[in-house]
C-alpha atoms as a PDB file:
ATOM      1  CA  UNK A   1       0.000   0.000   0.000  1.00  0.00           C
ATOM      2  CA  UNK A   2       1.160   3.523  -0.802  1.00  0.00           C
ATOM      3  CA  UNK A   3       0.442   6.353   1.635  1.00  0.00           C
ATOM      4  CA  UNK A   4       1.079   9.901   0.416  1.00  0.00           C
ATOM      5  CA  UNK A   5       0.176  13.404   1.564  1.00  0.00           C
ATOM      6  CA  UNK A   6      -1.002  15.981  -0.992  1.00  0.00           C
ATOM      7  CA  UNK A   7      -1.346  19.712  -0.451  1.00  0.00           C
ATOM      8  CA  UNK A   8      -1.660  23.047  -2.197  1.00  0.00           C
ATOM      9  CA  UNK A   9      -0.711  26.607  -1.340  1.00  0.00           C
ATOM     10  CA  UNK A  10      -1.638  30.009  -2.774  1.00  0.00           C
ATOM     11  CA  UNK A  11      -0.205  33.255  -1.424  1.00  0.00           C
ATOM     12  CA  UNK A  12      -3.219  35.539  -1.637  1.00  0.00           C
ATOM     13  CA  UNK A  13      -5.582  32.868  -3.026  1.00  0.00           C
ATOM     14  CA  UNK A  14      -5.468  33.603  -5.886  1.00  0.00           C
ATOM     15  CA  UNK A  15      -1.803  34.473  -6.174  1.00  0.00           C
ATOM     16  CA  UNK A  16       1.535  32.694  -6.587  1.00  0.00           C
ATOM     17  CA  UNK A  17       0.577  29.039  -6.077  1.00  0.00           C
ATOM     18  CA  UNK A  18       2.222  25.694  -5.462  1.00  0.00           C
ATOM     19  CA  UNK A  19       1.303  22.040  -5.116  1.00  0.00           C
ATOM     20  CA  UNK A  20       3.145  19.056  -3.688  1.00  0.00           C
ATOM     21  CA  UNK A  21       2.753  15.413  -2.764  1.00  0.00           C
ATOM     22  CA  UNK A  22       5.028  13.625  -0.312  1.00  0.00           C
ATOM     23  CA  UNK A  23       5.720   9.985   0.552  1.00  0.00           C
ATOM     24  CA  UNK A  24       9.214  10.325   2.012  1.00  0.00           C
ATOM     25  CA  UNK A  25      12.339  12.372   1.408  1.00  0.00           C
ATOM     26  CA  UNK A  26      13.207  10.262  -1.659  1.00  0.00           C
ATOM     27  CA  UNK A  27       9.722  10.312  -3.204  1.00  0.00           C
ATOM     28  CA  UNK A  28       8.025  13.669  -3.533  1.00  0.00           C
ATOM     29  CA  UNK A  29       7.201  16.176  -6.227  1.00  0.00           C
ATOM     30  CA  UNK A  30       6.126  19.802  -6.419  1.00  0.00           C
ATOM     31  CA  UNK A  31       5.183  22.439  -8.954  1.00  0.00           C
ATOM     32  CA  UNK A  32       3.007  25.484  -9.363  1.00  0.00           C
ATOM     33  CA  UNK A  33       2.129  28.648 -11.230  1.00  0.00           C
ATOM     34  CA  UNK A  34       2.741  32.397 -11.008  1.00  0.00           C
ATOM     35  CA  UNK A  35      -0.999  32.853 -10.424  1.00  0.00           C
ATOM     36  CA  UNK A  36      -3.444  30.245  -9.158  1.00  0.00           C
ATOM     37  CA  UNK A  37      -5.729  29.226  -6.308  1.00  0.00           C
ATOM     38  CA  UNK A  38      -5.330  26.961  -3.332  1.00  0.00           C
ATOM     39  CA  UNK A  39      -7.949  24.579  -4.727  1.00  0.00           C
ATOM     40  CA  UNK A  40      -6.067  24.297  -8.022  1.00  0.00           C
ATOM     41  CA  UNK A  41      -2.956  23.378  -6.076  1.00  0.00           C
ATOM     42  CA  UNK A  42      -4.807  20.785  -3.991  1.00  0.00           C
ATOM     43  CA  UNK A  43      -6.255  19.162  -7.128  1.00  0.00           C
ATOM     44  CA  UNK A  44      -2.992  19.268  -9.057  1.00  0.00           C
ATOM     45  CA  UNK A  45      -1.076  17.561  -6.240  1.00  0.00           C
ATOM     46  CA  UNK A  46      -3.406  14.551  -6.405  1.00  0.00           C
ATOM     47  CA  UNK A  47      -3.413  14.515 -10.230  1.00  0.00           C
ATOM     48  CA  UNK A  48       0.386  14.391 -10.370  1.00  0.00           C
ATOM     49  CA  UNK A  49       0.576  11.766  -7.632  1.00  0.00           C
ATOM     50  CA  UNK A  50      -1.820   9.516  -9.550  1.00  0.00           C
ATOM     51  CA  UNK A  51       0.000  10.051 -12.832  1.00  0.00           C
ATOM     52  CA  UNK A  52       3.463   9.408 -11.443  1.00  0.00           C
ATOM     53  CA  UNK A  53       2.462   6.261  -9.556  1.00  0.00           C
ATOM     54  CA  UNK A  54       0.734   4.954 -12.687  1.00  0.00           C
ATOM     55  CA  UNK A  55       3.831   5.712 -14.778  1.00  0.00           C
ATOM     56  CA  UNK A  56       5.896   3.734 -12.269  1.00  0.00           C
ATOM     57  CA  UNK A  57       3.671   0.675 -12.794  1.00  0.00           C
ATOM     58  CA  UNK A  58       1.907   1.031  -9.457  1.00  0.00           C
ATOM     59  CA  UNK A  59      -1.646   1.607 -10.660  1.00  0.00           C
ATOM     60  CA  UNK A  60      -2.759  -1.666  -9.034  1.00  0.00           C
ATOM     61  CA  UNK A  61      -1.353  -0.706  -5.637  1.00  0.00           C
ATOM     62  CA  UNK A  62      -3.796   0.606  -3.044  1.00  0.00           C
ATOM     63  CA  UNK A  63      -3.189   4.324  -2.639  1.00  0.00           C
ATOM     64  CA  UNK A  64      -4.205   6.301   0.434  1.00  0.00           C
ATOM     65  CA  UNK A  65      -4.081  10.070  -0.044  1.00  0.00           C
ATOM     66  CA  UNK A  66      -3.774  12.172   3.110  1.00  0.00           C
ATOM     67  CA  UNK A  67      -5.446  15.480   2.357  1.00  0.00           C
ATOM     68  CA  UNK A  68      -6.471  18.515   4.410  1.00  0.00           C
ATOM     69  CA  UNK A  69      -8.845  19.753   1.685  1.00  0.00           C
ATOM     70  CA  UNK A  70     -12.475  18.719   2.067  1.00  0.00           C
ATOM     71  CA  UNK A  71     -12.992  20.306  -1.356  1.00  0.00           C
ATOM     72  CA  UNK A  72     -10.775  17.694  -3.030  1.00  0.00           C
ATOM     73  CA  UNK A  73     -12.148  14.797  -0.993  1.00  0.00           C
ATOM     74  CA  UNK A  74     -15.764  15.745  -1.644  1.00  0.00           C
ATOM     75  CA  UNK A  75     -15.040  16.391  -5.329  1.00  0.00           C
ATOM     76  CA  UNK A  76     -13.835  12.812  -5.811  1.00  0.00           C
ATOM     77  CA  UNK A  77     -16.096  10.957  -3.383  1.00  0.00           C
ATOM     78  CA  UNK A  78     -19.367  12.917  -3.582  1.00  0.00           C
ATOM     79  CA  UNK A  79     -19.758  15.614  -6.209  1.00  0.00           C
ATOM     80  CA  UNK A  80     -18.341  14.318  -9.511  1.00  0.00           C
ATOM     81  CA  UNK A  81     -21.182  11.856 -10.321  1.00  0.00           C
ATOM     82  CA  UNK A  82     -23.815  14.597  -9.937  1.00  0.00           C
ATOM     83  CA  UNK A  83     -21.752  17.127 -11.873  1.00  0.00           C
ATOM     84  CA  UNK A  84     -21.358  14.665 -14.748  1.00  0.00           C
ATOM     85  CA  UNK A  85     -25.078  13.931 -14.869  1.00  0.00           C
ATOM     86  CA  UNK A  86     -25.747  17.658 -15.136  1.00  0.00           C
ATOM     87  CA  UNK A  87     -23.230  18.152 -17.954  1.00  0.00           C
ATOM     88  CA  UNK A  88     -20.488  19.325 -15.576  1.00  0.00           C
ATOM     89  CA  UNK A  89     -22.773  21.819 -13.898  1.00  0.00           C
ATOM     90  CA  UNK A  90     -23.323  22.308 -10.175  1.00  0.00           C
ATOM     91  CA  UNK A  91     -26.690  22.044  -8.459  1.00  0.00           C
ATOM     92  CA  UNK A  92     -27.373  25.748  -9.033  1.00  0.00           C
ATOM     93  CA  UNK A  93     -26.605  25.423 -12.759  1.00  0.00           C
ATOM     94  CA  UNK A  94     -23.277  27.253 -12.611  1.00  0.00           C
ATOM     95  CA  UNK A  95     -20.224  25.644 -14.274  1.00  0.00           C
ATOM     96  CA  UNK A  96     -17.875  23.469 -12.247  1.00  0.00           C
ATOM     97  CA  UNK A  97     -14.682  25.311 -11.336  1.00  0.00           C
ATOM     98  CA  UNK A  98     -11.261  23.919 -12.261  1.00  0.00           C
ATOM     99  CA  UNK A  99     -13.042  21.701 -14.780  1.00  0.00           C
ATOM    100  CA  UNK A 100     -10.012  20.369 -16.671  1.00  0.00           C
ATOM    101  CA  UNK A 101      -8.329  19.307 -13.447  1.00  0.00           C
ATOM    102  CA  UNK A 102     -11.544  17.783 -12.120  1.00  0.00           C
ATOM    103  CA  UNK A 103     -12.067  15.792 -15.335  1.00  0.00           C
ATOM    104  CA  UNK A 104      -8.470  14.573 -15.289  1.00  0.00           C
ATOM    105  CA  UNK A 105      -8.803  13.521 -11.659  1.00  0.00           C
ATOM    106  CA  UNK A 106     -12.003  11.629 -12.504  1.00  0.00           C
ATOM    107  CA  UNK A 107     -10.188   9.752 -15.280  1.00  0.00           C
ATOM    108  CA  UNK A 108      -7.204   8.911 -13.080  1.00  0.00           C
ATOM    109  CA  UNK A 109      -9.139   7.440 -10.142  1.00  0.00           C
ATOM    110  CA  UNK A 110     -11.297   5.249 -12.413  1.00  0.00           C
ATOM    111  CA  UNK A 111     -10.404   1.609 -11.865  1.00  0.00           C
ATOM    112  CA  UNK A 112      -7.859   2.358  -9.140  1.00  0.00           C
ATOM    113  CA  UNK A 113      -8.011   1.498  -5.462  1.00  0.00           C
ATOM    114  CA  UNK A 114      -7.738   5.020  -4.072  1.00  0.00           C
ATOM    115  CA  UNK A 115      -8.860   6.148  -0.618  1.00  0.00           C
ATOM    116  CA  UNK A 116      -8.832   9.683   0.738  1.00  0.00           C
ATOM    117  CA  UNK A 117      -8.221  10.413   4.401  1.00  0.00           C
ATOM    118  CA  UNK A 118      -8.806  13.876   5.825  1.00  0.00           C
ATOM    119  CA  UNK A 119      -6.090  15.251   8.091  1.00  0.00           C
ATOM    120  CA  UNK A 120      -6.184  18.580   9.886  1.00  0.00           C
ATOM    121  CA  UNK A 121      -3.808  21.038   8.270  1.00  0.00           C
ATOM    122  CA  UNK A 122      -1.113  22.853  10.254  1.00  0.00           C
ATOM    123  CA  UNK A 123      -1.634  20.509  13.201  1.00  0.00           C
ATOM    124  CA  UNK A 124       1.755  18.785  13.308  1.00  0.00           C
ATOM    125  CA  UNK A 125       0.955  15.835  11.013  1.00  0.00           C
ATOM    126  CA  UNK A 126       4.442  15.024   9.698  1.00  0.00           C
ATOM    127  CA  UNK A 127       3.549  14.056   6.126  1.00  0.00           C
ATOM    128  CA  UNK A 128       0.990  16.826   5.713  1.00  0.00           C
ATOM    129  CA  UNK A 129       3.490  19.361   7.010  1.00  0.00           C
ATOM    130  CA  UNK A 130       6.124  18.056   4.576  1.00  0.00           C
ATOM    131  CA  UNK A 131       3.760  18.423   1.607  1.00  0.00           C
ATOM    132  CA  UNK A 132       2.608  21.852   2.787  1.00  0.00           C
ATOM    133  CA  UNK A 133       6.188  23.090   3.194  1.00  0.00           C
ATOM    134  CA  UNK A 134       7.075  22.022  -0.350  1.00  0.00           C
ATOM    135  CA  UNK A 135       3.932  23.526  -1.887  1.00  0.00           C
ATOM    136  CA  UNK A 136       4.523  26.792  -0.044  1.00  0.00           C
ATOM    137  CA  UNK A 137       8.174  26.817  -1.107  1.00  0.00           C
ATOM    138  CA  UNK A 138       7.088  26.711  -4.761  1.00  0.00           C
ATOM    139  CA  UNK A 139       4.506  29.459  -4.233  1.00  0.00           C
ATOM    140  CA  UNK A 140       7.153  31.565  -2.499  1.00  0.00           C
ATOM    141  CA  UNK A 141       9.624  30.956  -5.332  1.00  0.00           C
ATOM    142  CA  UNK A 142       7.070  32.222  -7.856  1.00  0.00           C
ATOM    143  CA  UNK A 143       6.294  35.201  -5.619  1.00  0.00           C
ATOM    144  CA  UNK A 144       9.973  36.124  -5.526  1.00  0.00           C
ATOM    145  CA  UNK A 145      10.364  35.392  -9.254  1.00  0.00           C
ATOM    146  CA  UNK A 146      13.087  32.904  -8.440  1.00  0.00           C
ATOM    147  CA  UNK A 147      14.640  31.125 -11.440  1.00  0.00           C
ATOM    148  CA  UNK A 148      14.797  27.908  -9.380  1.00  0.00           C
ATOM    149  CA  UNK A 149      11.563  26.054  -8.568  1.00  0.00           C
ATOM    150  CA  UNK A 150      11.928  23.102  -6.122  1.00  0.00           C
ATOM    151  CA  UNK A 151      10.394  20.277  -8.179  1.00  0.00           C
ATOM    152  CA  UNK A 152      11.573  17.260  -6.150  1.00  0.00           C
ATOM    153  CA  UNK A 153      12.812  13.836  -7.302  1.00  0.00           C
ATOM    154  CA  UNK A 154       9.351  12.552  -8.250  1.00  0.00           C
ATOM    155  CA  UNK A 155       8.593   8.858  -7.959  1.00  0.00           C
ATOM    156  CA  UNK A 156      11.587   6.592  -8.346  1.00  0.00           C
ATOM    157  CA  UNK A 157      11.338   4.920 -11.744  1.00  0.00           C
ATOM    158  CA  UNK A 158       8.687   7.298 -13.061  1.00  0.00           C
ATOM    159  CA  UNK A 159       9.471  10.109 -15.417  1.00  0.00           C
ATOM    160  CA  UNK A 160       7.861  13.429 -14.625  1.00  0.00           C
ATOM    161  CA  UNK A 161       4.404  13.435 -16.168  1.00  0.00           C
ATOM    162  CA  UNK A 162       4.455  15.692 -19.211  1.00  0.00           C
ATOM    163  CA  UNK A 163       0.653  15.689 -19.258  1.00  0.00           C
ATOM    164  CA  UNK A 164       0.514  16.837 -15.652  1.00  0.00           C
ATOM    165  CA  UNK A 165       3.161  19.460 -16.343  1.00  0.00           C
ATOM    166  CA  UNK A 166       1.155  20.773 -19.276  1.00  0.00           C
ATOM    167  CA  UNK A 167      -1.982  20.806 -17.142  1.00  0.00           C
ATOM    168  CA  UNK A 168      -0.115  22.657 -14.420  1.00  0.00           C
ATOM    169  CA  UNK A 169       1.107  25.300 -16.843  1.00  0.00           C
ATOM    170  CA  UNK A 170      -2.269  25.762 -18.536  1.00  0.00           C
ATOM    171  CA  UNK A 171      -4.593  25.735 -15.556  1.00  0.00           C
ATOM    172  CA  UNK A 172      -4.207  29.401 -14.709  1.00  0.00           C
ATOM    173  CA  UNK A 173      -5.846  30.339 -17.985  1.00  0.00           C
ATOM    174  CA  UNK A 174      -9.163  29.132 -16.517  1.00  0.00           C
ATOM    175  CA  UNK A 175     -10.996  32.084 -14.904  1.00  0.00           C
ATOM    176  CA  UNK A 176     -11.601  31.768 -11.175  1.00  0.00           C
ATOM    177  CA  UNK A 177     -13.735  33.874  -8.822  1.00  0.00           C
ATOM    178  CA  UNK A 178     -11.482  35.916  -6.556  1.00  0.00           C
ATOM    179  CA  UNK A 179     -12.286  35.814  -2.867  1.00  0.00           C
ATOM    180  CA  UNK A 180     -10.972  39.304  -2.267  1.00  0.00           C
ATOM    181  CA  UNK A 181     -10.215  42.398  -4.239  1.00  0.00           C
ATOM    182  CA  UNK A 182      -7.074  43.859  -2.680  1.00  0.00           C
ATOM    183  CA  UNK A 183      -8.263  47.421  -3.211  1.00  0.00           C
ATOM    184  CA  UNK A 184     -11.915  47.471  -4.340  1.00  0.00           C
ATOM    185  CA  UNK A 185     -13.348  50.705  -5.588  1.00  0.00           C
ATOM    186  CA  UNK A 186     -15.666  52.274  -2.962  1.00  0.00           C
ATOM    187  CA  UNK A 187     -18.722  52.112  -5.203  1.00  0.00           C
ATOM    188  CA  UNK A 188     -18.188  48.376  -5.703  1.00  0.00           C
ATOM    189  CA  UNK A 189     -17.901  47.389  -2.048  1.00  0.00           C
ATOM    190  CA  UNK A 190     -21.580  46.536  -1.741  1.00  0.00           C
ATOM    191  CA  UNK A 191     -21.462  44.317  -4.818  1.00  0.00           C
ATOM    192  CA  UNK A 192     -18.328  42.603  -3.545  1.00  0.00           C
ATOM    193  CA  UNK A 193     -19.679  41.600  -0.134  1.00  0.00           C
ATOM    194  CA  UNK A 194     -22.845  40.206  -1.714  1.00  0.00           C
ATOM    195  CA  UNK A 195     -20.604  38.141  -3.980  1.00  0.00           C
ATOM    196  CA  UNK A 196     -18.715  36.883  -0.926  1.00  0.00           C
ATOM    197  CA  UNK A 197     -22.003  35.931   0.746  1.00  0.00           C
ATOM    198  CA  UNK A 198     -22.893  33.844  -2.287  1.00  0.00           C
ATOM    199  CA  UNK A 199     -19.443  32.209  -2.248  1.00  0.00           C
ATOM    200  CA  UNK A 200     -19.889  31.280   1.408  1.00  0.00           C
ATOM    201  CA  UNK A 201     -22.909  29.186   0.443  1.00  0.00           C
ATOM    202  CA  UNK A 202     -21.057  27.151  -2.197  1.00  0.00           C
ATOM    203  CA  UNK A 203     -19.796  23.682  -1.227  1.00  0.00           C
ATOM    204  CA  UNK A 204     -16.407  24.446  -2.797  1.00  0.00           C
ATOM    205  CA  UNK A 205     -15.781  27.242  -0.272  1.00  0.00           C
ATOM    206  CA  UNK A 206     -17.573  25.630   2.682  1.00  0.00           C
ATOM    207  CA  UNK A 207     -15.481  22.506   2.191  1.00  0.00           C
ATOM    208  CA  UNK A 208     -12.142  24.322   2.108  1.00  0.00           C
ATOM    209  CA  UNK A 209     -10.691  25.234   5.492  1.00  0.00           C
ATOM    210  CA  UNK A 210      -8.141  27.667   4.060  1.00  0.00           C
ATOM    211  CA  UNK A 211     -10.754  29.670   2.145  1.00  0.00           C
ATOM    212  CA  UNK A 212     -13.069  29.750   5.148  1.00  0.00           C
ATOM    213  CA  UNK A 213     -10.199  31.014   7.278  1.00  0.00           C
ATOM    214  CA  UNK A 214      -9.644  33.834   4.788  1.00  0.00           C
ATOM    215  CA  UNK A 215     -13.309  34.824   4.685  1.00  0.00           C
ATOM    216  CA  UNK A 216     -14.121  34.672   8.395  1.00  0.00           C
ATOM    217  CA  UNK A 217     -12.667  37.352  10.653  1.00  0.00           C
ATOM    218  CA  UNK A 218     -10.458  36.041  13.516  1.00  0.00           C
ATOM    219  CA  UNK A 219     -13.111  37.338  15.945  1.00  0.00           C
ATOM    220  CA  UNK A 220     -16.053  35.975  13.924  1.00  0.00           C
ATOM    221  CA  UNK A 221     -19.216  35.086  15.834  1.00  0.00           C
ATOM    222  CA  UNK A 222     -22.597  33.784  14.731  1.00  0.00           C
ATOM    223  CA  UNK A 223     -25.958  33.392  16.412  1.00  0.00           C
ATOM    224  CA  UNK A 224     -27.610  30.378  14.834  1.00  0.00           C
ATOM    225  CA  UNK A 225     -31.284  29.568  14.352  1.00  0.00           C
ATOM    226  CA  UNK A 226     -31.342  27.786  17.729  1.00  0.00           C
ATOM    227  CA  UNK A 227     -29.949  30.837  19.531  1.00  0.00           C
ATOM    228  CA  UNK A 228     -26.565  29.194  20.035  1.00  0.00           C
ATOM    229  CA  UNK A 229     -23.496  31.444  19.837  1.00  0.00           C
ATOM    230  CA  UNK A 230     -20.836  30.032  17.518  1.00  0.00           C
ATOM    231  CA  UNK A 231     -17.200  31.117  17.358  1.00  0.00           C
ATOM    232  CA  UNK A 232     -14.952  30.981  14.304  1.00  0.00           C
ATOM    233  CA  UNK A 233     -13.305  27.602  14.904  1.00  0.00           C
ATOM    234  CA  UNK A 234     -16.573  25.836  15.704  1.00  0.00           C
ATOM    235  CA  UNK A 235     -18.225  27.367  12.655  1.00  0.00           C
ATOM    236  CA  UNK A 236     -15.421  26.270  10.332  1.00  0.00           C
ATOM    237  CA  UNK A 237     -15.543  22.700  11.642  1.00  0.00           C
ATOM    238  CA  UNK A 238     -19.332  22.605  11.251  1.00  0.00           C
ATOM    239  CA  UNK A 239     -19.122  23.842   7.652  1.00  0.00           C
ATOM    240  CA  UNK A 240     -16.377  21.365   6.775  1.00  0.00           C
ATOM    241  CA  UNK A 241     -18.475  18.481   8.105  1.00  0.00           C
ATOM    242  CA  UNK A 242     -21.483  19.417   5.940  1.00  0.00           C
ATOM    243  CA  UNK A 243     -20.309  21.682   3.095  1.00  0.00           C
ATOM    244  CA  UNK A 244     -23.276  21.200   0.753  1.00  0.00           C
ATOM    245  CA  UNK A 245     -26.195  22.957   2.446  1.00  0.00           C
ATOM    246  CA  UNK A 246     -28.196  23.350  -0.746  1.00  0.00           C
ATOM    247  CA  UNK A 247     -29.026  26.925   0.248  1.00  0.00           C
ATOM    248  CA  UNK A 248     -28.617  29.950  -1.993  1.00  0.00           C
ATOM    249  CA  UNK A 249     -29.217  33.685  -1.792  1.00  0.00           C
ATOM    250  CA  UNK A 250     -32.765  34.260  -3.012  1.00  0.00           C
ATOM    251  CA  UNK A 251     -33.035  37.990  -2.320  1.00  0.00           C
ATOM    252  CA  UNK A 252     -30.806  40.829  -1.140  1.00  0.00           C
ATOM    253  CA  UNK A 253     -32.944  43.081   1.058  1.00  0.00           C
ATOM    254  CA  UNK A 254     -30.343  45.772   1.547  1.00  0.00           C
ATOM    255  CA  UNK A 255     -26.704  46.709   2.072  1.00  0.00           C
ATOM    256  CA  UNK A 256     -25.868  49.607   4.378  1.00  0.00           C
ATOM    257  CA  UNK A 257     -22.649  51.132   5.693  1.00  0.00           C
ATOM    258  CA  UNK A 258     -22.666  51.597   9.487  1.00  0.00           C
ATOM    259  CA  UNK A 259     -19.010  52.714   9.351  1.00  0.00           C
ATOM    260  CA  UNK A 260     -16.495  53.565   6.638  1.00  0.00           C
ATOM    261  CA  UNK A 261     -14.913  50.092   6.789  1.00  0.00           C
ATOM    262  CA  UNK A 262     -18.033  48.084   7.604  1.00  0.00           C
ATOM    263  CA  UNK A 263     -20.999  46.869   5.584  1.00  0.00           C
ATOM    264  CA  UNK A 264     -24.221  45.319   6.872  1.00  0.00           C
ATOM    265  CA  UNK A 265     -25.906  42.910   4.459  1.00  0.00           C
ATOM    266  CA  UNK A 266     -29.511  41.813   5.026  1.00  0.00           C
ATOM    267  CA  UNK A 267     -30.690  39.031   2.734  1.00  0.00           C
ATOM    268  CA  UNK A 268     -32.802  35.919   2.356  1.00  0.00           C
ATOM    269  CA  UNK A 269     -31.741  32.373   1.554  1.00  0.00           C
ATOM    270  CA  UNK A 270     -33.781  29.445   0.332  1.00  0.00           C
ATOM    271  CA  UNK A 271     -32.925  25.769   0.474  1.00  0.00           C
ATOM    272  CA  UNK A 272     -33.926  22.356   1.823  1.00  0.00           C
ATOM    273  CA  UNK A 273     -34.622  23.859   5.261  1.00  0.00           C
ATOM    274  CA  UNK A 274     -36.855  26.546   3.830  1.00  0.00           C
ATOM    275  CA  UNK A 275     -36.594  30.315   3.768  1.00  0.00           C
ATOM    276  CA  UNK A 276     -34.326  32.160   6.210  1.00  0.00           C
ATOM    277  CA  UNK A 277     -33.636  35.826   6.783  1.00  0.00           C
ATOM    278  CA  UNK A 278     -30.050  36.689   7.532  1.00  0.00           C
ATOM    279  CA  UNK A 279     -27.819  39.595   8.464  1.00  0.00           C
ATOM    280  CA  UNK A 280     -24.048  39.770   8.078  1.00  0.00           C
ATOM    281  CA  UNK A 281     -21.566  42.379   9.223  1.00  0.00           C
ATOM    282  CA  UNK A 282     -18.490  42.596   6.992  1.00  0.00           C
ATOM    283  CA  UNK A 283     -15.420  44.617   7.950  1.00  0.00           C
ATOM    284  CA  UNK A 284     -12.556  45.686   5.709  1.00  0.00           C
ATOM    285  CA  UNK A 285      -9.118  44.478   6.820  1.00  0.00           C
ATOM    286  CA  UNK A 286      -5.669  44.651   5.261  1.00  0.00           C
ATOM    287  CA  UNK A 287      -6.408  41.406   3.380  1.00  0.00           C
ATOM    288  CA  UNK A 288      -9.887  42.406   2.205  1.00  0.00           C
ATOM    289  CA  UNK A 289     -13.474  42.137   3.407  1.00  0.00           C
ATOM    290  CA  UNK A 290     -14.002  39.571   6.162  1.00  0.00           C
ATOM    291  CA  UNK A 291     -17.175  38.423   7.871  1.00  0.00           C
ATOM    292  CA  UNK A 292     -17.265  39.598  11.513  1.00  0.00           C
ATOM    293  CA  UNK A 293     -20.792  38.622  12.584  1.00  0.00           C
ATOM    294  CA  UNK A 294     -23.703  36.651  11.159  1.00  0.00           C
ATOM    295  CA  UNK A 295     -27.205  35.798  12.314  1.00  0.00           C
ATOM    296  CA  UNK A 296     -29.840  33.657  10.615  1.00  0.00           C
ATOM    297  CA  UNK A 297     -33.498  33.227  11.509  1.00  0.00           C
ATOM    298  CA  UNK A 298     -35.986  30.863   9.819  1.00  0.00           C
ATOM    299  CA  UNK A 299     -38.811  32.791   8.179  1.00  0.00           C
ATOM    300  CA  UNK A 300     -42.309  32.113   9.500  1.00  0.00           C
END
């Protein structure tokens, strides 16, 4: 059995990005792009791992992938069949993001004994930390415009996958929704925070701990429908455990500015649990707009 960790990194998300998989110090690989997303890196790490192990004649070996991305795990184990039935569209009819990578991943896992195991990122897991360090090193190299990118030895006996390399180089041409605008124009702030609210309801964001950490303010709090007060860490864990809520923004009631760097959004969502009225307080920080407080109440 092969056990490998796979991880991605994006400085700014999107921004200089890297990916890496790691088995041991003699078997690992990394790569990246001048501009990409964390999710692209997470997907690419698994794609390259599958391609290199297949090239080494190990396609019949059981492969366990240690991954801190619920987005990748759910993509492979839950979402792909439904996306394919809908012509590679999500439940809301919007196109699947990172489609070429997702399709390639679907092809590579077909017929192989592959299991995914979630591990908590940045929690001292040795293999996950090794993959993360290598992915971040690539992202940092692109950020610094270094002529040397740490690619690693790859899998012993397997040539570097030219198809994966081509995919890695081409993937940034696919348009991706940015989580933050570094310096949004004042008249566009209201539009931006509504966009972020919609992103927070998508399973791709709700299933990605790193993106949730970027969207939720360090002091984030939420009062849920039951009246319970949730903090940031508890909220992130709850979203990761059930990323596909099926809810979507059905109406924006209003966006007001209680302070120069704060926006209050009042809106409605609809989904399997019915209609809910919600309010969110967004504050502008050095890294962009982040959600400071949220409350949701089921509509009568």
